[in-house]
Amino acid sequence: MQNLFSFNVVSRSSSCVNNIVTDLFAGEVLVEYSSGECYSYSKVSRRAILNLLLQPNLSLGFWVNENLLFCDAKCATYGSCEHLEFAY
């Protein structure tokens, strides 16, 4: 079983999102979009992050739209993810 309180990488088949890295304890999420752009979101609902980690069939695009883009999550762009390597 995965440790939910460490950094977790969520990779699923999605047309708009490549990976999501979550930090449940801090309420932060790093999203790598298919376009190559990476965005860091803070003040993300911990309940939403937990739901993402525990629901293996949840659509990444749907989750991003519902919990990051159309809510009070704060965003800062990090630019291109071409050379960013996720630590699994």
C-alpha atoms as a PDB file:
ATOM      1  CA  MET A   1       0.000   0.000   0.000  1.00  0.00           C
ATOM      2  CA  GLN A   2       1.243   3.471  -0.818  1.00  0.00           C
ATOM      3  CA  ASN A   3       2.094   6.043   1.816  1.00  0.00           C
ATOM      4  CA  LEU A   4      -0.542   8.737   1.310  1.00  0.00           C
ATOM      5  CA  PHE A   5       1.412  11.328   3.283  1.00  0.00           C
ATOM      6  CA  SER A   6       4.482  11.272   1.050  1.00  0.00           C
ATOM      7  CA  PHE A   7       4.764  12.576  -2.500  1.00  0.00           C
ATOM      8  CA  ASN A   8       2.668  10.436  -4.847  1.00  0.00           C
ATOM      9  CA  VAL A   9       2.780  10.396  -8.638  1.00  0.00           C
ATOM     10  CA  VAL A  10      -0.536   9.707 -10.344  1.00  0.00           C
ATOM     11  CA  SER A  11      -0.221   8.587 -13.978  1.00  0.00           C
ATOM     12  CA  ARG A  12      -3.284   7.471 -15.887  1.00  0.00           C
ATOM     13  CA  SER A  13      -4.413   7.548 -19.481  1.00  0.00           C
ATOM     14  CA  SER A  14      -5.534  11.112 -20.144  1.00  0.00           C
ATOM     15  CA  SER A  15      -5.625  13.349 -23.192  1.00  0.00           C
ATOM     16  CA  CYS A  16      -4.850  16.536 -21.249  1.00  0.00           C
ATOM     17  CA  VAL A  17      -2.735  15.489 -18.233  1.00  0.00           C
ATOM     18  CA  ASN A  18       0.461  13.400 -18.242  1.00  0.00           C
ATOM     19  CA  ASN A  19       1.194  13.236 -14.489  1.00  0.00           C
ATOM     20  CA  ILE A  20       0.015  14.655 -11.214  1.00  0.00           C
ATOM     21  CA  VAL A  21       2.359  14.761  -8.226  1.00  0.00           C
ATOM     22  CA  THR A  22       0.532  15.200  -4.916  1.00  0.00           C
ATOM     23  CA  ASP A  23       1.582  16.272  -1.448  1.00  0.00           C
ATOM     24  CA  LEU A  24      -1.415  15.462   0.744  1.00  0.00           C
ATOM     25  CA  PHE A  25       0.105  16.863   3.922  1.00  0.00           C
ATOM     26  CA  ALA A  26       0.861  20.300   2.405  1.00  0.00           C
ATOM     27  CA  GLY A  27      -2.217  20.412   0.151  1.00  0.00           C
ATOM     28  CA  GLU A  28      -0.097  20.967  -2.950  1.00  0.00           C
ATOM     29  CA  VAL A  29      -0.291  19.464  -6.432  1.00  0.00           C
ATOM     30  CA  LEU A  30       2.075  19.637  -9.409  1.00  0.00           C
ATOM     31  CA  VAL A  31       0.388  18.967 -12.753  1.00  0.00           C
ATOM     32  CA  GLU A  32       2.231  18.166 -15.982  1.00  0.00           C
ATOM     33  CA  TYR A  33      -0.133  18.826 -18.872  1.00  0.00           C
ATOM     34  CA  SER A  34       0.136  17.086 -22.245  1.00  0.00           C
ATOM     35  CA  SER A  35       1.247  20.388 -23.770  1.00  0.00           C
ATOM     36  CA  GLY A  36       4.452  20.157 -21.708  1.00  0.00           C
ATOM     37  CA  GLU A  37       3.548  22.919 -19.270  1.00  0.00           C
ATOM     38  CA  CYS A  38       3.820  22.318 -15.521  1.00  0.00           C
ATOM     39  CA  TYR A  39       1.759  24.130 -12.947  1.00  0.00           C
ATOM     40  CA  SER A  40       2.002  24.028  -9.187  1.00  0.00           C
ATOM     41  CA  TYR A  41      -1.192  24.462  -7.183  1.00  0.00           C
ATOM     42  CA  SER A  42      -1.344  25.220  -3.478  1.00  0.00           C
ATOM     43  CA  LYS A  43      -4.270  25.338  -1.063  1.00  0.00           C
ATOM     44  CA  VAL A  44      -5.808  22.308  -2.781  1.00  0.00           C
ATOM     45  CA  SER A  45      -8.498  20.465  -0.864  1.00  0.00           C
ATOM     46  CA  ARG A  46      -6.896  17.566   0.987  1.00  0.00           C
ATOM     47  CA  ARG A  47     -10.140  15.660   0.632  1.00  0.00           C
ATOM     48  CA  ALA A  48      -9.930  16.077  -3.162  1.00  0.00           C
ATOM     49  CA  ILE A  49      -6.297  14.879  -3.187  1.00  0.00           C
ATOM     50  CA  LEU A  50      -7.213  11.857  -1.076  1.00  0.00           C
ATOM     51  CA  ASN A  51     -10.102  11.074  -3.425  1.00  0.00           C
ATOM     52  CA  LEU A  52      -7.698  11.188  -6.397  1.00  0.00           C
ATOM     53  CA  LEU A  53      -5.268   8.820  -4.680  1.00  0.00           C
ATOM     54  CA  LEU A  54      -7.924   6.311  -3.600  1.00  0.00           C
ATOM     55  CA  GLN A  55     -10.053   6.242  -6.787  1.00  0.00           C
ATOM     56  CA  PRO A  56      -8.023   4.505  -9.522  1.00  0.00           C
ATOM     57  CA  ASN A  57     -10.711   5.045 -12.182  1.00  0.00           C
ATOM     58  CA  LEU A  58     -11.100   8.792 -11.622  1.00  0.00           C
ATOM     59  CA  SER A  59     -10.382  10.838 -14.756  1.00  0.00           C
ATOM     60  CA  LEU A  60      -7.356  13.127 -14.334  1.00  0.00           C
ATOM     61  CA  GLY A  61      -8.824  15.802 -16.616  1.00  0.00           C
ATOM     62  CA  PHE A  62     -12.115  15.787 -14.735  1.00  0.00           C
ATOM     63  CA  TRP A  63     -10.286  15.981 -11.394  1.00  0.00           C
ATOM     64  CA  VAL A  64      -8.148  18.921 -12.540  1.00  0.00           C
ATOM     65  CA  ASN A  65     -11.180  20.814 -13.869  1.00  0.00           C
ATOM     66  CA  GLU A  66     -13.257  20.231 -10.752  1.00  0.00           C
ATOM     67  CA  ASN A  67     -10.582  20.722  -8.086  1.00  0.00           C
ATOM     68  CA  LEU A  68      -7.955  23.049  -9.517  1.00  0.00           C
ATOM     69  CA  LEU A  69      -9.233  25.210 -12.358  1.00  0.00           C
ATOM     70  CA  PHE A  70     -12.696  26.166 -11.134  1.00  0.00           C
ATOM     71  CA  CYS A  71     -12.093  26.660  -7.421  1.00  0.00           C
ATOM     72  CA  ASP A  72      -9.907  28.641  -5.009  1.00  0.00           C
ATOM     73  CA  ALA A  73      -6.645  26.739  -5.578  1.00  0.00           C
ATOM     74  CA  LYS A  74      -3.693  29.081  -6.079  1.00  0.00           C
ATOM     75  CA  CYS A  75      -1.536  28.554  -9.157  1.00  0.00           C
ATOM     76  CA  ALA A  76       2.003  29.400 -10.228  1.00  0.00           C
ATOM     77  CA  THR A  77       3.430  28.292 -13.549  1.00  0.00           C
ATOM     78  CA  TYR A  78       6.807  26.595 -13.851  1.00  0.00           C
ATOM     79  CA  GLY A  79       6.982  26.608 -17.652  1.00  0.00           C
ATOM     80  CA  SER A  80       8.058  23.672 -19.758  1.00  0.00           C
ATOM     81  CA  CYS A  81       8.406  20.187 -18.264  1.00  0.00           C
ATOM     82  CA  GLU A  82      10.571  18.801 -21.047  1.00  0.00           C
ATOM     83  CA  HIS A  83      13.582  18.276 -18.778  1.00  0.00           C
ATOM     84  CA  LEU A  84      11.718  17.717 -15.513  1.00  0.00           C
ATOM     85  CA  GLU A  85      12.020  14.204 -14.157  1.00  0.00           C
ATOM     86  CA  PHE A  86       9.497  12.943 -11.641  1.00  0.00           C
ATOM     87  CA  ALA A  87      10.888  10.905  -8.758  1.00  0.00           C
ATOM     88  CA  TYR A  88       8.834   7.734  -8.527  1.00  0.00           C
END
